[in-house]
Amino acid sequence: APGGMVAIEGGTFTMGQVQDDVMFDWNTTPQTMHVRSFYM
């Protein structure tokens, strides 16, 4: 493990916003994504 980093175990999550889009940008549409494990 590199110094100053923590391990992030990958998995599935909902990418994007599901709260009210008060700015009406329509650039955070919810998508189901999978991410691999990494250090951060």
Full PDB file with SEQRES, HELIX, SHEET, SSBOND, CRYST1, ORIGX, SCALE, CONECT and MASTER records, all heavy atoms in Angstrom:
SEQRES   1 A   40  ALA PRO GLY GLY MET VAL ALA ILE GLU GLY GLY THR PHE          
SEQRES   2 A   40  THR MET GLY GLN VAL GLN ASP ASP VAL MET PHE ASP TRP          
SEQRES   3 A   40  ASN THR THR PRO GLN THR MET HIS VAL ARG SER PHE TYR          
SEQRES   4 A   40  MET                                                          
SHEET    1 AA1 2 ALA A   7  ILE A   8  0                                        
SHEET    2 AA1 2 PHE A  38  TYR A  39 -1                                        
SHEET    1 AA2 2 GLY A  11  MET A  15  0                                        
SHEET    2 AA2 2 GLN A  31  VAL A  35 -1                                        
CRYST1    1.000    1.000    1.000  90.00  90.00  90.00 P 1           1          
ORIGX1      1.000000  0.000000  0.000000        0.00000                         
ORIGX2      0.000000  1.000000  0.000000        0.00000                         
ORIGX3      0.000000  0.000000  1.000000        0.00000                         
SCALE1      1.000000  0.000000  0.000000        0.00000                         
SCALE2      0.000000  1.000000  0.000000        0.00000                         
SCALE3      0.000000  0.000000  1.000000        0.00000                         
ATOM      1  N   ALA A   1       0.846  -1.188   0.000  1.00  0.00           N  
ATOM      2  CA  ALA A   1       0.000   0.000   0.000  1.00  0.00           C  
ATOM      3  C   ALA A   1       0.885   1.243   0.000  1.00  0.00           C  
ATOM      4  O   ALA A   1       1.748   1.380   0.864  1.00  0.00           O  
ATOM      5  CB  ALA A   1      -0.914  -0.001   1.215  1.00  0.00           C  
ATOM      6  N   PRO A   2       0.714   2.152  -0.956  1.00  0.00           N  
ATOM      7  CA  PRO A   2       1.529   3.371  -0.984  1.00  0.00           C  
ATOM      8  C   PRO A   2       1.278   4.227   0.255  1.00  0.00           C  
ATOM      9  O   PRO A   2       0.196   4.199   0.845  1.00  0.00           O  
ATOM     10  CB  PRO A   2       1.048   4.085  -2.263  1.00  0.00           C  
ATOM     11  CG  PRO A   2       0.392   3.016  -3.083  1.00  0.00           C  
ATOM     12  CD  PRO A   2      -0.217   2.075  -2.088  1.00  0.00           C  
ATOM     13  N   GLY A   3       2.281   5.000   0.642  1.00  0.00           N  
ATOM     14  CA  GLY A   3       2.168   5.851   1.814  1.00  0.00           C  
ATOM     15  C   GLY A   3       1.081   6.895   1.671  1.00  0.00           C  
ATOM     16  O   GLY A   3       0.925   7.508   0.619  1.00  0.00           O  
ATOM     17  N   GLY A   4       0.314   7.102   2.736  1.00  0.00           N  
ATOM     18  CA  GLY A   4      -0.728   8.125   2.741  1.00  0.00           C  
ATOM     19  C   GLY A   4      -1.986   7.742   2.010  1.00  0.00           C  
ATOM     20  O   GLY A   4      -2.854   8.589   1.800  1.00  0.00           O  
ATOM     21  N   MET A   5      -2.103   6.465   1.604  1.00  0.00           N  
ATOM     22  CA  MET A   5      -3.274   6.035   0.838  1.00  0.00           C  
ATOM     23  C   MET A   5      -4.077   4.995   1.613  1.00  0.00           C  
ATOM     24  O   MET A   5      -3.553   4.308   2.493  1.00  0.00           O  
ATOM     25  CB  MET A   5      -2.858   5.458  -0.511  1.00  0.00           C  
ATOM     26  CG  MET A   5      -2.398   6.495  -1.519  1.00  0.00           C  
ATOM     27  SD  MET A   5      -2.177   5.779  -3.166  1.00  0.00           S  
ATOM     28  CE  MET A   5      -2.254   7.269  -4.174  1.00  0.00           C  
ATOM     29  N   VAL A   6      -5.347   4.875   1.259  1.00  0.00           N  
ATOM     30  CA  VAL A   6      -6.215   3.839   1.811  1.00  0.00           C  
ATOM     31  C   VAL A   6      -6.771   3.015   0.662  1.00  0.00           C  
ATOM     32  O   VAL A   6      -6.902   3.501  -0.467  1.00  0.00           O  
ATOM     33  CB  VAL A   6      -7.369   4.442   2.642  1.00  0.00           C  
ATOM     34  CG1 VAL A   6      -6.844   5.166   3.854  1.00  0.00           C  
ATOM     35  CG2 VAL A   6      -8.211   5.381   1.790  1.00  0.00           C  
ATOM     36  N   ALA A   7      -7.063   1.765   0.951  1.00  0.00           N  
ATOM     37  CA  ALA A   7      -7.592   0.858  -0.071  1.00  0.00           C  
ATOM     38  C   ALA A   7      -9.097   1.058  -0.221  1.00  0.00           C  
ATOM     39  O   ALA A   7      -9.835   1.098   0.769  1.00  0.00           O  
ATOM     40  CB  ALA A   7      -7.277  -0.581   0.307  1.00  0.00           C  
ATOM     41  N   ILE A   8      -9.533   1.204  -1.457  1.00  0.00           N  
ATOM     42  CA  ILE A   8     -10.957   1.358  -1.771  1.00  0.00           C  
ATOM     43  C   ILE A   8     -11.399   0.092  -2.494  1.00  0.00           C  
ATOM     44  O   ILE A   8     -10.980  -0.162  -3.634  1.00  0.00           O  
ATOM     45  CB  ILE A   8     -11.227   2.585  -2.658  1.00  0.00           C  
ATOM     46  CG1 ILE A   8     -10.562   3.844  -2.071  1.00  0.00           C  
ATOM     47  CG2 ILE A   8     -12.721   2.784  -2.857  1.00  0.00           C  
ATOM     48  CD1 ILE A   8     -11.094   4.251  -0.729  1.00  0.00           C  
ATOM     49  N   GLU A   9     -12.227  -0.712  -1.841  1.00  0.00           N  
ATOM     50  CA  GLU A   9     -12.698  -1.941  -2.475  1.00  0.00           C  
ATOM     51  C   GLU A   9     -13.760  -1.614  -3.512  1.00  0.00           C  
ATOM     52  O   GLU A   9     -14.744  -0.930  -3.234  1.00  0.00           O  
ATOM     53  CB  GLU A   9     -13.271  -2.892  -1.426  1.00  0.00           C  
ATOM     54  CG  GLU A   9     -13.715  -4.226  -2.003  1.00  0.00           C  
ATOM     55  CD  GLU A   9     -14.200  -5.191  -0.953  1.00  0.00           C  
ATOM     56  OE1 GLU A   9     -13.864  -5.001   0.235  1.00  0.00           O  
ATOM     57  OE2 GLU A   9     -14.917  -6.150  -1.313  1.00  0.00           O  
ATOM     58  N   GLY A  10     -13.561  -2.081  -4.726  1.00  0.00           N  
ATOM     59  CA  GLY A  10     -14.457  -1.759  -5.824  1.00  0.00           C  
ATOM     60  C   GLY A  10     -15.813  -2.432  -5.711  1.00  0.00           C  
ATOM     61  O   GLY A  10     -16.033  -3.314  -4.879  1.00  0.00           O  
ATOM     62  N   GLY A  11     -16.724  -2.016  -6.578  1.00  0.00           N  
ATOM     63  CA  GLY A  11     -18.071  -2.580  -6.578  1.00  0.00           C  
ATOM     64  C   GLY A  11     -19.007  -1.763  -7.437  1.00  0.00           C  
ATOM     65  O   GLY A  11     -18.590  -0.913  -8.236  1.00  0.00           O  
ATOM     66  N   THR A  12     -20.284  -1.998  -7.260  1.00  0.00           N  
ATOM     67  CA  THR A  12     -21.332  -1.342  -8.038  1.00  0.00           C  
ATOM     68  C   THR A  12     -21.943  -0.198  -7.231  1.00  0.00           C  
ATOM     69  O   THR A  12     -22.095  -0.305  -6.011  1.00  0.00           O  
ATOM     70  CB  THR A  12     -22.423  -2.353  -8.409  1.00  0.00           C  
ATOM     71  OG1 THR A  12     -21.846  -3.395  -9.188  1.00  0.00           O  
ATOM     72  CG2 THR A  12     -23.531  -1.707  -9.222  1.00  0.00           C  
ATOM     73  N   PHE A  13     -22.276   0.877  -7.919  1.00  0.00           N  
ATOM     74  CA  PHE A  13     -22.942   1.997  -7.250  1.00  0.00           C  
ATOM     75  C   PHE A  13     -23.735   2.796  -8.269  1.00  0.00           C  
ATOM     76  O   PHE A  13     -23.603   2.599  -9.479  1.00  0.00           O  
ATOM     77  CB  PHE A  13     -21.933   2.897  -6.535  1.00  0.00           C  
ATOM     78  CG  PHE A  13     -21.216   3.881  -7.430  1.00  0.00           C  
ATOM     79  CD1 PHE A  13     -21.425   5.237  -7.282  1.00  0.00           C  
ATOM     80  CD2 PHE A  13     -20.340   3.450  -8.424  1.00  0.00           C  
ATOM     81  CE1 PHE A  13     -20.761   6.156  -8.094  1.00  0.00           C  
ATOM     82  CE2 PHE A  13     -19.678   4.351  -9.226  1.00  0.00           C  
ATOM     83  CZ  PHE A  13     -19.890   5.712  -9.067  1.00  0.00           C  
ATOM     84  N   THR A  14     -24.573   3.691  -7.774  1.00  0.00           N  
ATOM     85  CA  THR A  14     -25.342   4.576  -8.641  1.00  0.00           C  
ATOM     86  C   THR A  14     -24.578   5.872  -8.823  1.00  0.00           C  
ATOM     87  O   THR A  14     -24.443   6.657  -7.877  1.00  0.00           O  
ATOM     88  CB  THR A  14     -26.738   4.862  -8.055  1.00  0.00           C  
ATOM     89  OG1 THR A  14     -27.431   3.633  -7.883  1.00  0.00           O  
ATOM     90  CG2 THR A  14     -27.532   5.765  -8.987  1.00  0.00           C  
ATOM     91  N   MET A  15     -24.061   6.085 -10.027  1.00  0.00           N  
ATOM     92  CA  MET A  15     -23.326   7.304 -10.339  1.00  0.00           C  
ATOM     93  C   MET A  15     -24.305   8.354 -10.847  1.00  0.00           C  
ATOM     94  O   MET A  15     -25.106   8.090 -11.746  1.00  0.00           O  
ATOM     95  CB  MET A  15     -22.256   7.016 -11.394  1.00  0.00           C  
ATOM     96  CG  MET A  15     -21.396   8.205 -11.753  1.00  0.00           C  
ATOM     97  SD  MET A  15     -20.139   7.741 -12.973  1.00  0.00           S  
ATOM     98  CE  MET A  15     -19.286   9.312 -13.163  1.00  0.00           C  
ATOM     99  N   GLY A  16     -24.234   9.528 -10.274  1.00  0.00           N  
ATOM    100  CA  GLY A  16     -25.154  10.586 -10.685  1.00  0.00           C  
ATOM    101  C   GLY A  16     -26.054  11.003  -9.536  1.00  0.00           C  
ATOM    102  O   GLY A  16     -26.072  10.399  -8.458  1.00  0.00           O  
ATOM    103  N   GLN A  17     -26.836  12.026  -9.784  1.00  0.00           N  
ATOM    104  CA  GLN A  17     -27.647  12.642  -8.737  1.00  0.00           C  
ATOM    105  C   GLN A  17     -29.075  12.131  -8.773  1.00  0.00           C  
ATOM    106  O   GLN A  17     -29.688  12.028  -9.836  1.00  0.00           O  
ATOM    107  CB  GLN A  17     -27.639  14.161  -8.919  1.00  0.00           C  
ATOM    108  CG  GLN A  17     -28.360  14.907  -7.815  1.00  0.00           C  
ATOM    109  CD  GLN A  17     -28.465  16.391  -8.116  1.00  0.00           C  
ATOM    110  OE1 GLN A  17     -28.360  16.775  -9.267  1.00  0.00           O  
ATOM    111  NE2 GLN A  17     -28.673  17.195  -7.099  1.00  0.00           N  
ATOM    112  N   VAL A  18     -29.603  11.804  -7.608  1.00  0.00           N  
ATOM    113  CA  VAL A  18     -31.009  11.414  -7.517  1.00  0.00           C  
ATOM    114  C   VAL A  18     -31.790  12.384  -6.636  1.00  0.00           C  
ATOM    115  O   VAL A  18     -32.967  12.204  -6.397  1.00  0.00           O  
ATOM    116  CB  VAL A  18     -31.150   9.978  -6.960  1.00  0.00           C  
ATOM    117  CG1 VAL A  18     -30.594   8.969  -7.934  1.00  0.00           C  
ATOM    118  CG2 VAL A  18     -30.472   9.856  -5.615  1.00  0.00           C  
ATOM    119  N   GLN A  19     -31.114  13.418  -6.148  1.00  0.00           N  
ATOM    120  CA  GLN A  19     -31.810  14.480  -5.418  1.00  0.00           C  
ATOM    121  C   GLN A  19     -32.409  15.444  -6.459  1.00  0.00           C  
ATOM    122  O   GLN A  19     -32.252  15.282  -7.660  1.00  0.00           O  
ATOM    123  CB  GLN A  19     -30.823  15.223  -4.511  1.00  0.00           C  
ATOM    124  CG  GLN A  19     -30.019  14.316  -3.592  1.00  0.00           C  
ATOM    125  CD  GLN A  19     -30.854  13.672  -2.509  1.00  0.00           C  
ATOM    126  OE1 GLN A  19     -31.871  14.213  -2.106  1.00  0.00           O  
ATOM    127  NE2 GLN A  19     -30.428  12.518  -2.044  1.00  0.00           N  
ATOM    128  N   ASP A  20     -33.095  16.453  -5.981  1.00  0.00           N  
ATOM    129  CA  ASP A  20     -33.702  17.427  -6.893  1.00  0.00           C  
ATOM    130  C   ASP A  20     -32.618  18.188  -7.655  1.00  0.00           C  
ATOM    131  O   ASP A  20     -31.670  18.702  -7.057  1.00  0.00           O  
ATOM    132  CB  ASP A  20     -34.564  18.428  -6.111  1.00  0.00           C  
ATOM    133  CG  ASP A  20     -35.777  17.778  -5.490  1.00  0.00           C  
ATOM    134  OD1 ASP A  20     -36.197  16.740  -6.016  1.00  0.00           O  
ATOM    135  OD2 ASP A  20     -36.289  18.294  -4.481  1.00  0.00           O  
ATOM    136  N   ASP A  21     -32.765  18.286  -8.964  1.00  0.00           N  
ATOM    137  CA  ASP A  21     -31.802  19.003  -9.804  1.00  0.00           C  
ATOM    138  C   ASP A  21     -32.255  20.465  -9.921  1.00  0.00           C  
ATOM    139  O   ASP A  21     -32.833  20.880 -10.924  1.00  0.00           O  
ATOM    140  CB  ASP A  21     -31.720  18.345 -11.184  1.00  0.00           C  
ATOM    141  CG  ASP A  21     -30.584  18.897 -12.029  1.00  0.00           C  
ATOM    142  OD1 ASP A  21     -29.833  19.743 -11.512  1.00  0.00           O  
ATOM    143  OD2 ASP A  21     -30.452  18.500 -13.190  1.00  0.00           O  
ATOM    144  N   VAL A  22     -31.982  21.238  -8.887  1.00  0.00           N  
ATOM    145  CA  VAL A  22     -32.481  22.611  -8.839  1.00  0.00           C  
ATOM    146  C   VAL A  22     -31.803  23.505  -9.873  1.00  0.00           C  
ATOM    147  O   VAL A  22     -32.338  24.558 -10.227  1.00  0.00           O  
ATOM    148  CB  VAL A  22     -32.304  23.202  -7.428  1.00  0.00           C  
ATOM    149  CG1 VAL A  22     -33.113  22.414  -6.409  1.00  0.00           C  
ATOM    150  CG2 VAL A  22     -30.833  23.230  -7.035  1.00  0.00           C  
ATOM    151  N   MET A  23     -30.617  23.116 -10.357  1.00  0.00           N  
ATOM    152  CA  MET A  23     -29.916  23.915 -11.359  1.00  0.00           C  
ATOM    153  C   MET A  23     -30.357  23.557 -12.773  1.00  0.00           C  
ATOM    154  O   MET A  23     -30.028  24.255 -13.727  1.00  0.00           O  
ATOM    155  CB  MET A  23     -28.402  23.699 -11.228  1.00  0.00           C  
ATOM    156  CG  MET A  23     -27.821  24.048  -9.873  1.00  0.00           C  
ATOM    157  SD  MET A  23     -27.890  25.812  -9.510  1.00  0.00           S  
ATOM    158  CE  MET A  23     -26.601  26.410 -10.592  1.00  0.00           C  
ATOM    159  N   PHE A  24     -31.072  22.442 -12.923  1.00  0.00           N  
ATOM    160  CA  PHE A  24     -31.541  21.969 -14.234  1.00  0.00           C  
ATOM    161  C   PHE A  24     -30.400  21.854 -15.241  1.00  0.00           C  
ATOM    162  O   PHE A  24     -30.537  22.212 -16.404  1.00  0.00           O  
ATOM    163  CB  PHE A  24     -32.633  22.902 -14.776  1.00  0.00           C  
ATOM    164  CG  PHE A  24     -33.887  22.884 -13.944  1.00  0.00           C  
ATOM    165  CD1 PHE A  24     -34.142  23.886 -13.026  1.00  0.00           C  
ATOM    166  CD2 PHE A  24     -34.801  21.840 -14.052  1.00  0.00           C  
ATOM    167  CE1 PHE A  24     -35.281  23.860 -12.236  1.00  0.00           C  
ATOM    168  CE2 PHE A  24     -35.937  21.807 -13.265  1.00  0.00           C  
ATOM    169  CZ  PHE A  24     -36.190  22.817 -12.355  1.00  0.00           C  
ATOM    170  N   ASP A  25     -29.258  21.343 -14.769  1.00  0.00           N  
ATOM    171  CA  ASP A  25     -28.134  21.126 -15.674  1.00  0.00           C  
ATOM    172  C   ASP A  25     -28.301  19.844 -16.482  1.00  0.00           C  
ATOM    173  O   ASP A  25     -27.758  19.718 -17.576  1.00  0.00           O  
ATOM    174  CB  ASP A  25     -26.821  21.034 -14.873  1.00  0.00           C  
ATOM    175  CG  ASP A  25     -26.379  22.377 -14.339  1.00  0.00           C  
ATOM    176  OD1 ASP A  25     -26.718  23.386 -14.985  1.00  0.00           O  
ATOM    177  OD2 ASP A  25     -25.698  22.419 -13.309  1.00  0.00           O  
ATOM    178  N   TRP A  26     -28.995  18.873 -15.927  1.00  0.00           N  
ATOM    179  CA  TRP A  26     -29.209  17.580 -16.587  1.00  0.00           C  
ATOM    180  C   TRP A  26     -27.881  16.925 -16.980  1.00  0.00           C  
ATOM    181  O   TRP A  26     -27.768  16.300 -18.036  1.00  0.00           O  
ATOM    182  CB  TRP A  26     -30.113  17.724 -17.811  1.00  0.00           C  
ATOM    183  CG  TRP A  26     -31.490  18.194 -17.476  1.00  0.00           C  
ATOM    184  CD1 TRP A  26     -32.000  19.440 -17.706  1.00  0.00           C  
ATOM    185  CD2 TRP A  26     -32.514  17.453 -16.813  1.00  0.00           C  
ATOM    186  NE1 TRP A  26     -33.286  19.533 -17.225  1.00  0.00           N  
ATOM    187  CE2 TRP A  26     -33.635  18.315 -16.678  1.00  0.00           C  
ATOM    188  CE3 TRP A  26     -32.609  16.157 -16.311  1.00  0.00           C  
ATOM    189  CZ2 TRP A  26     -34.817  17.904 -16.072  1.00  0.00           C  
ATOM    190  CZ3 TRP A  26     -33.799  15.754 -15.714  1.00  0.00           C  
ATOM    191  CH2 TRP A  26     -34.874  16.620 -15.605  1.00  0.00           C  
ATOM    192  N   ASN A  27     -26.872  17.099 -16.162  1.00  0.00           N  
ATOM    193  CA  ASN A  27     -25.572  16.481 -16.448  1.00  0.00           C  
ATOM    194  C   ASN A  27     -25.189  15.442 -15.393  1.00  0.00           C  
ATOM    195  O   ASN A  27     -24.053  14.985 -15.361  1.00  0.00           O  
ATOM    196  CB  ASN A  27     -24.478  17.543 -16.556  1.00  0.00           C  
ATOM    197  CG  ASN A  27     -24.216  18.249 -15.236  1.00  0.00           C  
ATOM    198  OD1 ASN A  27     -24.999  18.143 -14.294  1.00  0.00           O  
ATOM    199  ND2 ASN A  27     -23.120  18.984 -15.170  1.00  0.00           N  
ATOM    200  N   THR A  28     -26.152  15.106 -14.516  1.00  0.00           N  
ATOM    201  CA  THR A  28     -25.873  14.104 -13.481  1.00  0.00           C  
ATOM    202  C   THR A  28     -26.959  13.033 -13.470  1.00  0.00           C  
ATOM    203  O   THR A  28     -27.423  12.609 -12.418  1.00  0.00           O  
ATOM    204  CB  THR A  28     -25.782  14.772 -12.095  1.00  0.00           C  
ATOM    205  OG1 THR A  28     -26.998  15.482 -11.833  1.00  0.00           O  
ATOM    206  CG2 THR A  28     -24.606  15.718 -12.017  1.00  0.00           C  
ATOM    207  N   THR A  29     -27.358  12.595 -14.642  1.00  0.00           N  
ATOM    208  CA  THR A  29     -28.387  11.566 -14.748  1.00  0.00           C  
ATOM    209  C   THR A  29     -27.900  10.268 -14.094  1.00  0.00           C  
ATOM    210  O   THR A  29     -26.784   9.829 -14.365  1.00  0.00           O  
ATOM    211  CB  THR A  29     -28.728  11.289 -16.220  1.00  0.00           C  
ATOM    212  OG1 THR A  29     -29.086  12.522 -16.846  1.00  0.00           O  
ATOM    213  CG2 THR A  29     -29.873  10.303 -16.350  1.00  0.00           C  
ATOM    214  N   PRO A  30     -28.688   9.647 -13.226  1.00  0.00           N  
ATOM    215  CA  PRO A  30     -28.228   8.433 -12.523  1.00  0.00           C  
ATOM    216  C   PRO A  30     -27.891   7.296 -13.489  1.00  0.00           C  
ATOM    217  O   PRO A  30     -28.631   7.027 -14.438  1.00  0.00           O  
ATOM    218  CB  PRO A  30     -29.423   8.069 -11.643  1.00  0.00           C  
ATOM    219  CG  PRO A  30     -30.214   9.322 -11.512  1.00  0.00           C  
ATOM    220  CD  PRO A  30     -30.033  10.064 -12.792  1.00  0.00           C  
ATOM    221  N   GLN A  31     -26.759   6.655 -13.250  1.00  0.00           N  
ATOM    222  CA  GLN A  31     -26.312   5.504 -14.037  1.00  0.00           C  
ATOM    223  C   GLN A  31     -25.732   4.469 -13.082  1.00  0.00           C  
ATOM    224  O   GLN A  31     -25.034   4.817 -12.125  1.00  0.00           O  
ATOM    225  CB  GLN A  31     -25.223   5.914 -15.036  1.00  0.00           C  
ATOM    226  CG  GLN A  31     -25.549   7.119 -15.897  1.00  0.00           C  
ATOM    227  CD  GLN A  31     -26.438   6.764 -17.076  1.00  0.00           C  
ATOM    228  OE1 GLN A  31     -26.791   5.603 -17.249  1.00  0.00           O  
ATOM    229  NE2 GLN A  31     -26.777   7.741 -17.885  1.00  0.00           N  
ATOM    230  N   THR A  32     -25.983   3.200 -13.347  1.00  0.00           N  
ATOM    231  CA  THR A  32     -25.370   2.135 -12.553  1.00  0.00           C  
ATOM    232  C   THR A  32     -23.996   1.826 -13.128  1.00  0.00           C  
ATOM    233  O   THR A  32     -23.865   1.518 -14.320  1.00  0.00           O  
ATOM    234  CB  THR A  32     -26.240   0.869 -12.566  1.00  0.00           C  
ATOM    235  OG1 THR A  32     -27.522   1.180 -12.018  1.00  0.00           O  
ATOM    236  CG2 THR A  32     -25.602  -0.226 -11.712  1.00  0.00           C  
ATOM    237  N   MET A  33     -22.971   1.939 -12.296  1.00  0.00           N  
ATOM    238  CA  MET A  33     -21.586   1.759 -12.740  1.00  0.00           C  
ATOM    239  C   MET A  33     -20.864   0.761 -11.835  1.00  0.00           C  
ATOM    240  O   MET A  33     -21.212   0.599 -10.665  1.00  0.00           O  
ATOM    241  CB  MET A  33     -20.829   3.094 -12.703  1.00  0.00           C  
ATOM    242  CG  MET A  33     -21.199   4.058 -13.795  1.00  0.00           C  
ATOM    243  SD  MET A  33     -20.534   3.551 -15.381  1.00  0.00           S  
ATOM    244  CE  MET A  33     -21.185   4.880 -16.410  1.00  0.00           C  
ATOM    245  N   HIS A  34     -19.830   0.148 -12.408  1.00  0.00           N  
ATOM    246  CA  HIS A  34     -18.943  -0.714 -11.619  1.00  0.00           C  
ATOM    247  C   HIS A  34     -17.544  -0.112 -11.637  1.00  0.00           C  
ATOM    248  O   HIS A  34     -17.042   0.302 -12.686  1.00  0.00           O  
ATOM    249  CB  HIS A  34     -18.890  -2.134 -12.186  1.00  0.00           C  
ATOM    250  CG  HIS A  34     -18.033  -3.052 -11.365  1.00  0.00           C  
ATOM    251  ND1 HIS A  34     -18.521  -3.791 -10.313  1.00  0.00           N  
ATOM    252  CD2 HIS A  34     -16.694  -3.325 -11.416  1.00  0.00           C  
ATOM    253  CE1 HIS A  34     -17.546  -4.483  -9.761  1.00  0.00           C  
ATOM    254  NE2 HIS A  34     -16.423  -4.220 -10.410  1.00  0.00           N  
ATOM    255  N   VAL A  35     -16.911  -0.081 -10.469  1.00  0.00           N  
ATOM    256  CA  VAL A  35     -15.567   0.476 -10.321  1.00  0.00           C  
ATOM    257  C   VAL A  35     -14.659  -0.587  -9.729  1.00  0.00           C  
ATOM    258  O   VAL A  35     -15.044  -1.286  -8.782  1.00  0.00           O  
ATOM    259  CB  VAL A  35     -15.594   1.729  -9.408  1.00  0.00           C  
ATOM    260  CG1 VAL A  35     -14.185   2.214  -9.118  1.00  0.00           C  
ATOM    261  CG2 VAL A  35     -16.403   2.835 -10.054  1.00  0.00           C  
ATOM    262  N   ARG A  36     -13.446  -0.708 -10.252  1.00  0.00           N  
ATOM    263  CA  ARG A  36     -12.475  -1.655  -9.721  1.00  0.00           C  
ATOM    264  C   ARG A  36     -11.807  -1.092  -8.463  1.00  0.00           C  
ATOM    265  O   ARG A  36     -11.837   0.099  -8.205  1.00  0.00           O  
ATOM    266  CB  ARG A  36     -11.405  -1.988 -10.770  1.00  0.00           C  
ATOM    267  CG  ARG A  36     -11.932  -2.699 -11.995  1.00  0.00           C  
ATOM    268  CD  ARG A  36     -10.821  -3.399 -12.755  1.00  0.00           C  
ATOM    269  NE  ARG A  36     -10.344  -4.570 -12.052  1.00  0.00           N  
ATOM    270  CZ  ARG A  36      -9.144  -4.681 -11.498  1.00  0.00           C  
ATOM    271  NH1 ARG A  36      -8.288  -3.668 -11.557  1.00  0.00           N  
ATOM    272  NH2 ARG A  36      -8.777  -5.785 -10.873  1.00  0.00           N  
ATOM    273  N   SER A  37     -11.181  -1.978  -7.708  1.00  0.00           N  
ATOM    274  CA  SER A  37     -10.504  -1.564  -6.474  1.00  0.00           C  
ATOM    275  C   SER A  37      -9.279  -0.712  -6.790  1.00  0.00           C  
ATOM    276  O   SER A  37      -8.613  -0.914  -7.812  1.00  0.00           O  
ATOM    277  CB  SER A  37     -10.081  -2.791  -5.669  1.00  0.00           C  
ATOM    278  OG  SER A  37     -11.201  -3.572  -5.318  1.00  0.00           O  
ATOM    279  N   PHE A  38      -8.969   0.225  -5.902  1.00  0.00           N  
ATOM    280  CA  PHE A  38      -7.828   1.119  -6.103  1.00  0.00           C  
ATOM    281  C   PHE A  38      -7.417   1.712  -4.761  1.00  0.00           C  
ATOM    282  O   PHE A  38      -8.138   1.615  -3.769  1.00  0.00           O  
ATOM    283  CB  PHE A  38      -8.164   2.230  -7.101  1.00  0.00           C  
ATOM    284  CG  PHE A  38      -9.352   3.081  -6.708  1.00  0.00           C  
ATOM    285  CD1 PHE A  38      -9.172   4.297  -6.058  1.00  0.00           C  
ATOM    286  CD2 PHE A  38     -10.645   2.674  -6.996  1.00  0.00           C  
ATOM    287  CE1 PHE A  38     -10.254   5.075  -5.702  1.00  0.00           C  
ATOM    288  CE2 PHE A  38     -11.745   3.445  -6.635  1.00  0.00           C  
ATOM    289  CZ  PHE A  38     -11.551   4.650  -5.991  1.00  0.00           C  
ATOM    290  N   TYR A  39      -6.238   2.293  -4.752  1.00  0.00           N  
ATOM    291  CA  TYR A  39      -5.765   3.059  -3.595  1.00  0.00           C  
ATOM    292  C   TYR A  39      -6.023   4.538  -3.843  1.00  0.00           C  
ATOM    293  O   TYR A  39      -5.892   5.027  -4.969  1.00  0.00           O  
ATOM    294  CB  TYR A  39      -4.274   2.854  -3.360  1.00  0.00           C  
ATOM    295  CG  TYR A  39      -3.888   1.471  -2.889  1.00  0.00           C  
ATOM    296  CD1 TYR A  39      -3.130   0.628  -3.696  1.00  0.00           C  
ATOM    297  CD2 TYR A  39      -4.258   1.014  -1.623  1.00  0.00           C  
ATOM    298  CE1 TYR A  39      -2.765  -0.635  -3.268  1.00  0.00           C  
ATOM    299  CE2 TYR A  39      -3.901  -0.246  -1.184  1.00  0.00           C  
ATOM    300  CZ  TYR A  39      -3.150  -1.070  -2.007  1.00  0.00           C  
ATOM    301  OH  TYR A  39      -2.801  -2.318  -1.572  1.00  0.00           O  
ATOM    302  N   MET A  40      -6.356   5.269  -2.776  1.00  0.00           N  
ATOM    303  CA  MET A  40      -6.618   6.701  -2.908  1.00  0.00           C  
ATOM    304  C   MET A  40      -6.005   7.447  -1.730  1.00  0.00           C  
ATOM    305  O   MET A  40      -5.988   6.943  -0.595  1.00  0.00           O  
ATOM    306  CB  MET A  40      -8.127   6.965  -2.959  1.00  0.00           C  
ATOM    307  CG  MET A  40      -8.501   8.374  -3.378  1.00  0.00           C  
ATOM    308  SD  MET A  40     -10.306   8.547  -3.536  1.00  0.00           S  
ATOM    309  CE  MET A  40     -10.396   9.844  -4.773  1.00  0.00           C  
TER     310      MET A  40                                                      
MASTER        0    0    0    0    4    0    0    6  309    1    0    4          
END                                                                             
